[in-house]
Amino acid sequence: MANAAPYDHIVFTEFDDSEGILVDLNTKKYYQLNETAMLVWKGLEQGLGTPEIVDQIVANYEITPNDALRNVDEIVEKFQMYSLVNAS
């Protein structure tokens, strides 16, 4: 998966370390994020690549690296589908 970066018109807000909201200021749509999706989003905001985000997920949850990679790829693909990030 290519590195992805959040667009500037997307605003992220975190609630209670377990839930987050993305708001697309252009479309006025919002997207609710679970804990894993929030970890992926934060990693993308920090400029991390997929391997580093996978490492964070494996360190924080009982999950295999392969399953974590699959989850990260699926989440980033959804972010791209909704035009929340661009892939480079």
PDB file of N, CA and C in Angstrom:
ATOM      1  N   MET A   1       0.852  -1.178   0.000  1.00  0.00           N
ATOM      2  CA  MET A   1       0.000   0.000   0.000  1.00  0.00           C
ATOM      3  C   MET A   1       0.894   1.236   0.000  1.00  0.00           C
ATOM      4  N   ALA A   2       0.556   2.178  -0.863  1.00  0.00           N
ATOM      5  CA  ALA A   2       1.327   3.431  -0.944  1.00  0.00           C
ATOM      6  C   ALA A   2       1.104   4.247   0.322  1.00  0.00           C
ATOM      7  N   ASN A   3       2.057   5.136   0.612  1.00  0.00           N
ATOM      8  CA  ASN A   3       1.859   6.038   1.740  1.00  0.00           C
ATOM      9  C   ASN A   3       0.693   6.955   1.433  1.00  0.00           C
ATOM     10  N   ALA A   4      -0.096   7.227   2.442  1.00  0.00           N
ATOM     11  CA  ALA A   4      -1.254   8.092   2.284  1.00  0.00           C
ATOM     12  C   ALA A   4      -1.123   9.246   3.258  1.00  0.00           C
ATOM     13  N   ALA A   5      -1.668  10.386   2.879  1.00  0.00           N
ATOM     14  CA  ALA A   5      -1.620  11.564   3.748  1.00  0.00           C
ATOM     15  C   ALA A   5      -3.012  12.188   3.794  1.00  0.00           C
ATOM     16  N   PRO A   6      -3.453  12.597   4.984  1.00  0.00           N
ATOM     17  CA  PRO A   6      -4.760  13.241   5.101  1.00  0.00           C
ATOM     18  C   PRO A   6      -4.797  14.557   4.322  1.00  0.00           C
ATOM     19  N   TYR A   7      -5.940  14.824   3.715  1.00  0.00           N
ATOM     20  CA  TYR A   7      -6.144  16.117   3.060  1.00  0.00           C
ATOM     21  C   TYR A   7      -6.293  17.205   4.118  1.00  0.00           C
ATOM     22  N   ASP A   8      -5.943  18.427   3.754  1.00  0.00           N
ATOM     23  CA  ASP A   8      -6.017  19.552   4.694  1.00  0.00           C
ATOM     24  C   ASP A   8      -7.442  19.899   5.096  1.00  0.00           C
ATOM     25  N   HIS A   9      -8.417  19.558   4.262  1.00  0.00           N
ATOM     26  CA  HIS A   9      -9.798  19.934   4.562  1.00  0.00           C
ATOM     27  C   HIS A   9     -10.528  18.893   5.437  1.00  0.00           C
ATOM     28  N   ILE A  10      -9.761  17.939   5.975  1.00  0.00           N
ATOM     29  CA  ILE A  10     -10.329  16.941   6.876  1.00  0.00           C
ATOM     30  C   ILE A  10      -9.903  17.279   8.301  1.00  0.00           C
ATOM     31  N   VAL A  11     -10.885  17.360   9.203  1.00  0.00           N
ATOM     32  CA  VAL A  11     -10.632  17.706  10.601  1.00  0.00           C
ATOM     33  C   VAL A  11     -10.898  16.466  11.450  1.00  0.00           C
ATOM     34  N   PHE A  12      -9.966  16.163  12.349  1.00  0.00           N
ATOM     35  CA  PHE A  12     -10.085  15.004  13.232  1.00  0.00           C
ATOM     36  C   PHE A  12     -10.315  15.472  14.658  1.00  0.00           C
ATOM     37  N   THR A  13     -11.279  14.842  15.327  1.00  0.00           N
ATOM     38  CA  THR A  13     -11.538  15.104  16.741  1.00  0.00           C
ATOM     39  C   THR A  13     -11.613  13.770  17.461  1.00  0.00           C
ATOM     40  N   GLU A  14     -10.925  13.676  18.592  1.00  0.00           N
ATOM     41  CA  GLU A  14     -10.885  12.437  19.374  1.00  0.00           C
ATOM     42  C   GLU A  14     -11.732  12.580  20.623  1.00  0.00           C
ATOM     43  N   PHE A  15     -12.439  11.495  20.974  1.00  0.00           N
ATOM     44  CA  PHE A  15     -13.258  11.456  22.184  1.00  0.00           C
ATOM     45  C   PHE A  15     -12.845  10.262  23.025  1.00  0.00           C
ATOM     46  N   ASP A  16     -12.456  10.481  24.262  1.00  0.00           N
ATOM     47  CA  ASP A  16     -12.208   9.415  25.239  1.00  0.00           C
ATOM     48  C   ASP A  16     -11.206   8.356  24.794  1.00  0.00           C
ATOM     49  N   ASP A  17     -10.277   8.655  23.931  1.00  0.00           N
ATOM     50  CA  ASP A  17      -9.249   7.711  23.477  1.00  0.00           C
ATOM     51  C   ASP A  17      -9.798   6.452  22.821  1.00  0.00           C
ATOM     52  N   SER A  18     -11.089   6.376  22.568  1.00  0.00           N
ATOM     53  CA  SER A  18     -11.640   5.160  21.977  1.00  0.00           C
ATOM     54  C   SER A  18     -12.538   5.435  20.774  1.00  0.00           C
ATOM     55  N   GLU A  19     -12.767   6.684  20.481  1.00  0.00           N
ATOM     56  CA  GLU A  19     -13.667   7.039  19.390  1.00  0.00           C
ATOM     57  C   GLU A  19     -13.212   8.362  18.792  1.00  0.00           C
ATOM     58  N   GLY A  20     -13.403   8.495  17.500  1.00  0.00           N
ATOM     59  CA  GLY A  20     -13.019   9.729  16.841  1.00  0.00           C
ATOM     60  C   GLY A  20     -13.967  10.057  15.707  1.00  0.00           C
ATOM     61  N   ILE A  21     -13.931  11.297  15.299  1.00  0.00           N
ATOM     62  CA  ILE A  21     -14.772  11.778  14.205  1.00  0.00           C
ATOM     63  C   ILE A  21     -13.880  12.511  13.208  1.00  0.00           C
ATOM     64  N   LEU A  22     -14.085  12.213  11.925  1.00  0.00           N
ATOM     65  CA  LEU A  22     -13.477  12.978  10.847  1.00  0.00           C
ATOM     66  C   LEU A  22     -14.573  13.803  10.209  1.00  0.00           C
ATOM     67  N   VAL A  23     -14.284  15.072   9.942  1.00  0.00           N
ATOM     68  CA  VAL A  23     -15.244  15.940   9.261  1.00  0.00           C
ATOM     69  C   VAL A  23     -14.581  16.450   7.990  1.00  0.00           C
ATOM     70  N   ASP A  24     -15.271  16.251   6.876  1.00  0.00           N
ATOM     71  CA  ASP A  24     -14.815  16.770   5.588  1.00  0.00           C
ATOM     72  C   ASP A  24     -15.427  18.157   5.440  1.00  0.00           C
ATOM     73  N   LEU A  25     -14.597  19.183   5.553  1.00  0.00           N
ATOM     74  CA  LEU A  25     -15.096  20.557   5.510  1.00  0.00           C
ATOM     75  C   LEU A  25     -15.639  20.940   4.135  1.00  0.00           C
ATOM     76  N   ASN A  26     -15.238  20.222   3.092  1.00  0.00           N
ATOM     77  CA  ASN A  26     -15.749  20.513   1.747  1.00  0.00           C
ATOM     78  C   ASN A  26     -17.142  19.960   1.532  1.00  0.00           C
ATOM     79  N   THR A  27     -17.388  18.747   2.011  1.00  0.00           N
ATOM     80  CA  THR A  27     -18.686  18.100   1.771  1.00  0.00           C
ATOM     81  C   THR A  27     -19.615  18.182   2.976  1.00  0.00           C
ATOM     82  N   LYS A  28     -19.078  18.572   4.127  1.00  0.00           N
ATOM     83  CA  LYS A  28     -19.811  18.623   5.399  1.00  0.00           C
ATOM     84  C   LYS A  28     -20.235  17.241   5.886  1.00  0.00           C
ATOM     85  N   LYS A  29     -19.597  16.197   5.366  1.00  0.00           N
ATOM     86  CA  LYS A  29     -19.869  14.837   5.830  1.00  0.00           C
ATOM     87  C   LYS A  29     -18.935  14.522   6.981  1.00  0.00           C
ATOM     88  N   TYR A  30     -19.413  13.636   7.865  1.00  0.00           N
ATOM     89  CA  TYR A  30     -18.547  13.210   8.960  1.00  0.00           C
ATOM     90  C   TYR A  30     -18.506  11.689   9.005  1.00  0.00           C
ATOM     91  N   TYR A  31     -17.417  11.183   9.559  1.00  0.00           N
ATOM     92  CA  TYR A  31     -17.156   9.757   9.604  1.00  0.00           C
ATOM     93  C   TYR A  31     -16.711   9.393  11.009  1.00  0.00           C
ATOM     94  N   GLN A  32     -17.343   8.400  11.589  1.00  0.00           N
ATOM     95  CA  GLN A  32     -16.986   7.953  12.927  1.00  0.00           C
ATOM     96  C   GLN A  32     -15.891   6.895  12.821  1.00  0.00           C
ATOM     97  N   LEU A  33     -14.875   7.014  13.673  1.00  0.00           N
ATOM     98  CA  LEU A  33     -13.753   6.082  13.670  1.00  0.00           C
ATOM     99  C   LEU A  33     -13.737   5.258  14.947  1.00  0.00           C
ATOM    100  N   ASN A  34     -13.456   3.961  14.793  1.00  0.00           N
ATOM    101  CA  ASN A  34     -13.241   3.142  15.977  1.00  0.00           C
ATOM    102  C   ASN A  34     -11.794   3.312  16.423  1.00  0.00           C
ATOM    103  N   GLU A  35     -11.429   2.580  17.459  1.00  0.00           N
ATOM    104  CA  GLU A  35     -10.097   2.733  18.044  1.00  0.00           C
ATOM    105  C   GLU A  35      -8.975   2.439  17.042  1.00  0.00           C
ATOM    106  N   THR A  36      -9.133   1.367  16.272  1.00  0.00           N
ATOM    107  CA  THR A  36      -8.104   0.995  15.307  1.00  0.00           C
ATOM    108  C   THR A  36      -7.992   2.022  14.194  1.00  0.00           C
ATOM    109  N   ALA A  37      -9.121   2.463  13.675  1.00  0.00           N
ATOM    110  CA  ALA A  37      -9.104   3.470  12.609  1.00  0.00           C
ATOM    111  C   ALA A  37      -8.483   4.772  13.110  1.00  0.00           C
ATOM    112  N   MET A  38      -8.717   5.100  14.382  1.00  0.00           N
ATOM    113  CA  MET A  38      -8.092   6.301  14.954  1.00  0.00           C
ATOM    114  C   MET A  38      -6.574   6.156  14.992  1.00  0.00           C
ATOM    115  N   LEU A  39      -6.096   4.983  15.363  1.00  0.00           N
ATOM    116  CA  LEU A  39      -4.653   4.748  15.405  1.00  0.00           C
ATOM    117  C   LEU A  39      -4.050   4.899  14.007  1.00  0.00           C
ATOM    118  N   VAL A  40      -4.751   4.377  13.000  1.00  0.00           N
ATOM    119  CA  VAL A  40      -4.289   4.509  11.625  1.00  0.00           C
ATOM    120  C   VAL A  40      -4.283   5.979  11.219  1.00  0.00           C
ATOM    121  N   TRP A  41      -5.362   6.701  11.512  1.00  0.00           N
ATOM    122  CA  TRP A  41      -5.453   8.118  11.132  1.00  0.00           C
ATOM    123  C   TRP A  41      -4.325   8.924  11.772  1.00  0.00           C
ATOM    124  N   LYS A  42      -4.109   8.709  13.073  1.00  0.00           N
ATOM    125  CA  LYS A  42      -3.053   9.443  13.778  1.00  0.00           C
ATOM    126  C   LYS A  42      -1.685   9.144  13.161  1.00  0.00           C
ATOM    127  N   GLY A  43      -1.479   7.889  12.796  1.00  0.00           N
ATOM    128  CA  GLY A  43      -0.221   7.526  12.154  1.00  0.00           C
ATOM    129  C   GLY A  43      -0.046   8.249  10.827  1.00  0.00           C
ATOM    130  N   LEU A  44      -1.106   8.318  10.043  1.00  0.00           N
ATOM    131  CA  LEU A  44      -1.040   9.032   8.766  1.00  0.00           C
ATOM    132  C   LEU A  44      -0.762  10.515   8.984  1.00  0.00           C
ATOM    133  N   GLU A  45      -1.393  11.098  10.009  1.00  0.00           N
ATOM    134  CA  GLU A  45      -1.142  12.513  10.319  1.00  0.00           C
ATOM    135  C   GLU A  45       0.324  12.743  10.684  1.00  0.00           C
ATOM    136  N   GLN A  46       0.944  11.755  11.305  1.00  0.00           N
ATOM    137  CA  GLN A  46       2.352  11.876  11.715  1.00  0.00           C
ATOM    138  C   GLN A  46       3.306  11.545  10.574  1.00  0.00           C
ATOM    139  N   GLY A  47       2.755  11.164   9.429  1.00  0.00           N
ATOM    140  CA  GLY A  47       3.593  10.843   8.286  1.00  0.00           C
ATOM    141  C   GLY A  47       4.167   9.436   8.316  1.00  0.00           C
ATOM    142  N   LEU A  48       3.594   8.571   9.162  1.00  0.00           N
ATOM    143  CA  LEU A  48       4.082   7.202   9.248  1.00  0.00           C
ATOM    144  C   LEU A  48       3.625   6.398   8.038  1.00  0.00           C
ATOM    145  N   GLY A  49       4.428   5.424   7.676  1.00  0.00           N
ATOM    146  CA  GLY A  49       4.058   4.503   6.617  1.00  0.00           C
ATOM    147  C   GLY A  49       3.317   3.305   7.192  1.00  0.00           C
ATOM    148  N   THR A  50       2.816   2.477   6.315  1.00  0.00           N
ATOM    149  CA  THR A  50       2.065   1.296   6.737  1.00  0.00           C
ATOM    150  C   THR A  50       2.844   0.416   7.711  1.00  0.00           C
ATOM    151  N   PRO A  51       4.127   0.117   7.460  1.00  0.00           N
ATOM    152  CA  PRO A  51       4.847  -0.765   8.409  1.00  0.00           C
ATOM    153  C   PRO A  51       4.892  -0.216   9.837  1.00  0.00           C
ATOM    154  N   GLU A  52       5.083   1.089   9.969  1.00  0.00           N
ATOM    155  CA  GLU A  52       5.143   1.691  11.312  1.00  0.00           C
ATOM    156  C   GLU A  52       3.765   1.652  11.993  1.00  0.00           C
ATOM    157  N   ILE A  53       2.720   1.880  11.229  1.00  0.00           N
ATOM    158  CA  ILE A  53       1.368   1.833  11.795  1.00  0.00           C
ATOM    159  C   ILE A  53       1.036   0.398  12.211  1.00  0.00           C
ATOM    160  N   VAL A  54       1.403  -0.572  11.389  1.00  0.00           N
ATOM    161  CA  VAL A  54       1.191  -1.981  11.730  1.00  0.00           C
ATOM    162  C   VAL A  54       1.923  -2.312  13.024  1.00  0.00           C
ATOM    163  N   ASP A  55       3.157  -1.856  13.165  1.00  0.00           N
ATOM    164  CA  ASP A  55       3.927  -2.107  14.386  1.00  0.00           C
ATOM    165  C   ASP A  55       3.210  -1.541  15.614  1.00  0.00           C
ATOM    166  N   GLN A  56       2.630  -0.348  15.490  1.00  0.00           N
ATOM    167  CA  GLN A  56       1.898   0.257  16.609  1.00  0.00           C
ATOM    168  C   GLN A  56       0.683  -0.591  16.986  1.00  0.00           C
ATOM    169  N   ILE A  57      -0.031  -1.070  15.987  1.00  0.00           N
ATOM    170  CA  ILE A  57      -1.225  -1.879  16.259  1.00  0.00           C
ATOM    171  C   ILE A  57      -0.841  -3.195  16.930  1.00  0.00           C
ATOM    172  N   VAL A  58       0.202  -3.846  16.430  1.00  0.00           N
ATOM    173  CA  VAL A  58       0.664  -5.102  17.026  1.00  0.00           C
ATOM    174  C   VAL A  58       1.107  -4.873  18.476  1.00  0.00           C
ATOM    175  N   ALA A  59       1.738  -3.727  18.741  1.00  0.00           N
ATOM    176  CA  ALA A  59       2.205  -3.421  20.094  1.00  0.00           C
ATOM    177  C   ALA A  59       1.051  -3.135  21.055  1.00  0.00           C
ATOM    178  N   ASN A  60      -0.076  -2.639  20.532  1.00  0.00           N
ATOM    179  CA  ASN A  60      -1.189  -2.233  21.389  1.00  0.00           C
ATOM    180  C   ASN A  60      -2.313  -3.251  21.500  1.00  0.00           C
ATOM    181  N   TYR A  61      -2.368  -4.204  20.590  1.00  0.00           N
ATOM    182  CA  TYR A  61      -3.477  -5.153  20.562  1.00  0.00           C
ATOM    183  C   TYR A  61      -2.950  -6.568  20.370  1.00  0.00           C
ATOM    184  N   GLU A  62      -3.730  -7.532  20.755  1.00  0.00           N
ATOM    185  CA  GLU A  62      -3.362  -8.928  20.532  1.00  0.00           C
ATOM    186  C   GLU A  62      -3.776  -9.303  19.117  1.00  0.00           C
ATOM    187  N   ILE A  63      -2.879  -9.065  18.182  1.00  0.00           N
ATOM    188  CA  ILE A  63      -3.154  -9.297  16.772  1.00  0.00           C
ATOM    189  C   ILE A  63      -1.841  -9.654  16.082  1.00  0.00           C
ATOM    190  N   THR A  64      -1.930 -10.505  15.085  1.00  0.00           N
ATOM    191  CA  THR A  64      -0.727 -10.880  14.343  1.00  0.00           C
ATOM    192  C   THR A  64      -0.354  -9.757  13.378  1.00  0.00           C
ATOM    193  N   PRO A  65       0.915  -9.675  13.010  1.00  0.00           N
ATOM    194  CA  PRO A  65       1.315  -8.655  12.032  1.00  0.00           C
ATOM    195  C   PRO A  65       0.547  -8.761  10.711  1.00  0.00           C
ATOM    196  N   ASN A  66       0.272  -9.992  10.243  1.00  0.00           N
ATOM    197  CA  ASN A  66      -0.475 -10.150   8.993  1.00  0.00           C
ATOM    198  C   ASN A  66      -1.890  -9.618   9.101  1.00  0.00           C
ATOM    199  N   ASP A  67      -2.563  -9.907  10.226  1.00  0.00           N
ATOM    200  CA  ASP A  67      -3.918  -9.393  10.422  1.00  0.00           C
ATOM    201  C   ASP A  67      -3.909  -7.876  10.568  1.00  0.00           C
ATOM    202  N   ALA A  68      -2.912  -7.357  11.268  1.00  0.00           N
ATOM    203  CA  ALA A  68      -2.798  -5.903  11.429  1.00  0.00           C
ATOM    204  C   ALA A  68      -2.581  -5.239  10.078  1.00  0.00           C
ATOM    205  N   LEU A  69      -1.726  -5.821   9.246  1.00  0.00           N
ATOM    206  CA  LEU A  69      -1.479  -5.270   7.917  1.00  0.00           C
ATOM    207  C   LEU A  69      -2.756  -5.263   7.085  1.00  0.00           C
ATOM    208  N   ARG A  70      -3.489  -6.352   7.134  1.00  0.00           N
ATOM    209  CA  ARG A  70      -4.748  -6.421   6.391  1.00  0.00           C
ATOM    210  C   ARG A  70      -5.724  -5.329   6.871  1.00  0.00           C
ATOM    211  N   ASN A  71      -5.816  -5.154   8.191  1.00  0.00           N
ATOM    212  CA  ASN A  71      -6.706  -4.125   8.740  1.00  0.00           C
ATOM    213  C   ASN A  71      -6.279  -2.728   8.324  1.00  0.00           C
ATOM    214  N   VAL A  72      -4.984  -2.442   8.407  1.00  0.00           N
ATOM    215  CA  VAL A  72      -4.494  -1.113   8.017  1.00  0.00           C
ATOM    216  C   VAL A  72      -4.788  -0.866   6.541  1.00  0.00           C
ATOM    217  N   ASP A  73      -4.505  -1.849   5.699  1.00  0.00           N
ATOM    218  CA  ASP A  73      -4.772  -1.687   4.261  1.00  0.00           C
ATOM    219  C   ASP A  73      -6.252  -1.429   3.991  1.00  0.00           C
ATOM    220  N   GLU A  74      -7.130  -2.157   4.674  1.00  0.00           N
ATOM    221  CA  GLU A  74      -8.575  -1.965   4.491  1.00  0.00           C
ATOM    222  C   GLU A  74      -9.017  -0.572   4.941  1.00  0.00           C
ATOM    223  N   ILE A  75      -8.491  -0.121   6.071  1.00  0.00           N
ATOM    224  CA  ILE A  75      -8.868   1.197   6.595  1.00  0.00           C
ATOM    225  C   ILE A  75      -8.377   2.296   5.663  1.00  0.00           C
ATOM    226  N   VAL A  76      -7.124   2.214   5.221  1.00  0.00           N
ATOM    227  CA  VAL A  76      -6.580   3.234   4.324  1.00  0.00           C
ATOM    228  C   VAL A  76      -7.352   3.231   2.999  1.00  0.00           C
ATOM    229  N   GLU A  77      -7.728   2.056   2.527  1.00  0.00           N
ATOM    230  CA  GLU A  77      -8.514   1.961   1.291  1.00  0.00           C
ATOM    231  C   GLU A  77      -9.859   2.673   1.451  1.00  0.00           C
ATOM    232  N   LYS A  78     -10.487   2.507   2.615  1.00  0.00           N
ATOM    233  CA  LYS A  78     -11.756   3.208   2.865  1.00  0.00           C
ATOM    234  C   LYS A  78     -11.528   4.716   2.957  1.00  0.00           C
ATOM    235  N   PHE A  79     -10.452   5.130   3.618  1.00  0.00           N
ATOM    236  CA  PHE A  79     -10.129   6.556   3.665  1.00  0.00           C
ATOM    237  C   PHE A  79      -9.989   7.113   2.252  1.00  0.00           C
ATOM    238  N   GLN A  80      -9.327   6.355   1.373  1.00  0.00           N
ATOM    239  CA  GLN A  80      -9.159   6.798  -0.020  1.00  0.00           C
ATOM    240  C   GLN A  80     -10.506   6.822  -0.745  1.00  0.00           C
ATOM    241  N   MET A  81     -11.318   5.812  -0.530  1.00  0.00           N
ATOM    242  CA  MET A  81     -12.627   5.718  -1.179  1.00  0.00           C
ATOM    243  C   MET A  81     -13.490   6.931  -0.839  1.00  0.00           C
ATOM    244  N   TYR A  82     -13.394   7.402   0.394  1.00  0.00           N
ATOM    245  CA  TYR A  82     -14.182   8.561   0.833  1.00  0.00           C
ATOM    246  C   TYR A  82     -13.443   9.882   0.616  1.00  0.00           C
ATOM    247  N   SER A  83     -12.325   9.842  -0.089  1.00  0.00           N
ATOM    248  CA  SER A  83     -11.528  11.042  -0.393  1.00  0.00           C
ATOM    249  C   SER A  83     -11.070  11.793   0.851  1.00  0.00           C
ATOM    250  N   LEU A  84     -10.651  11.029   1.853  1.00  0.00           N
ATOM    251  CA  LEU A  84     -10.145  11.620   3.084  1.00  0.00           C
ATOM    252  C   LEU A  84      -8.622  11.730   3.068  1.00  0.00           C
ATOM    253  N   VAL A  85      -7.974  10.879   2.267  1.00  0.00           N
ATOM    254  CA  VAL A  85      -6.515  10.887   2.143  1.00  0.00           C
ATOM    255  C   VAL A  85      -6.156  10.773   0.668  1.00  0.00           C
ATOM    256  N   ASN A  86      -4.942  11.188   0.364  1.00  0.00           N
ATOM    257  CA  ASN A  86      -4.413  10.940  -0.980  1.00  0.00           C
ATOM    258  C   ASN A  86      -3.259   9.974  -0.870  1.00  0.00           C
ATOM    259  N   ALA A  87      -3.120   9.124  -1.841  1.00  0.00           N
ATOM    260  CA  ALA A  87      -2.027   8.146  -1.848  1.00  0.00           C
ATOM    261  C   ALA A  87      -0.904   8.686  -2.704  1.00  0.00           C
ATOM    262  N   SER A  88       0.315   8.529  -2.202  1.00  0.00           N
ATOM    263  CA  SER A  88       1.467   9.002  -2.985  1.00  0.00           C
ATOM    264  C   SER A  88       2.271   7.829  -3.469  1.00  0.00           C
TER     265      SER A  88
END
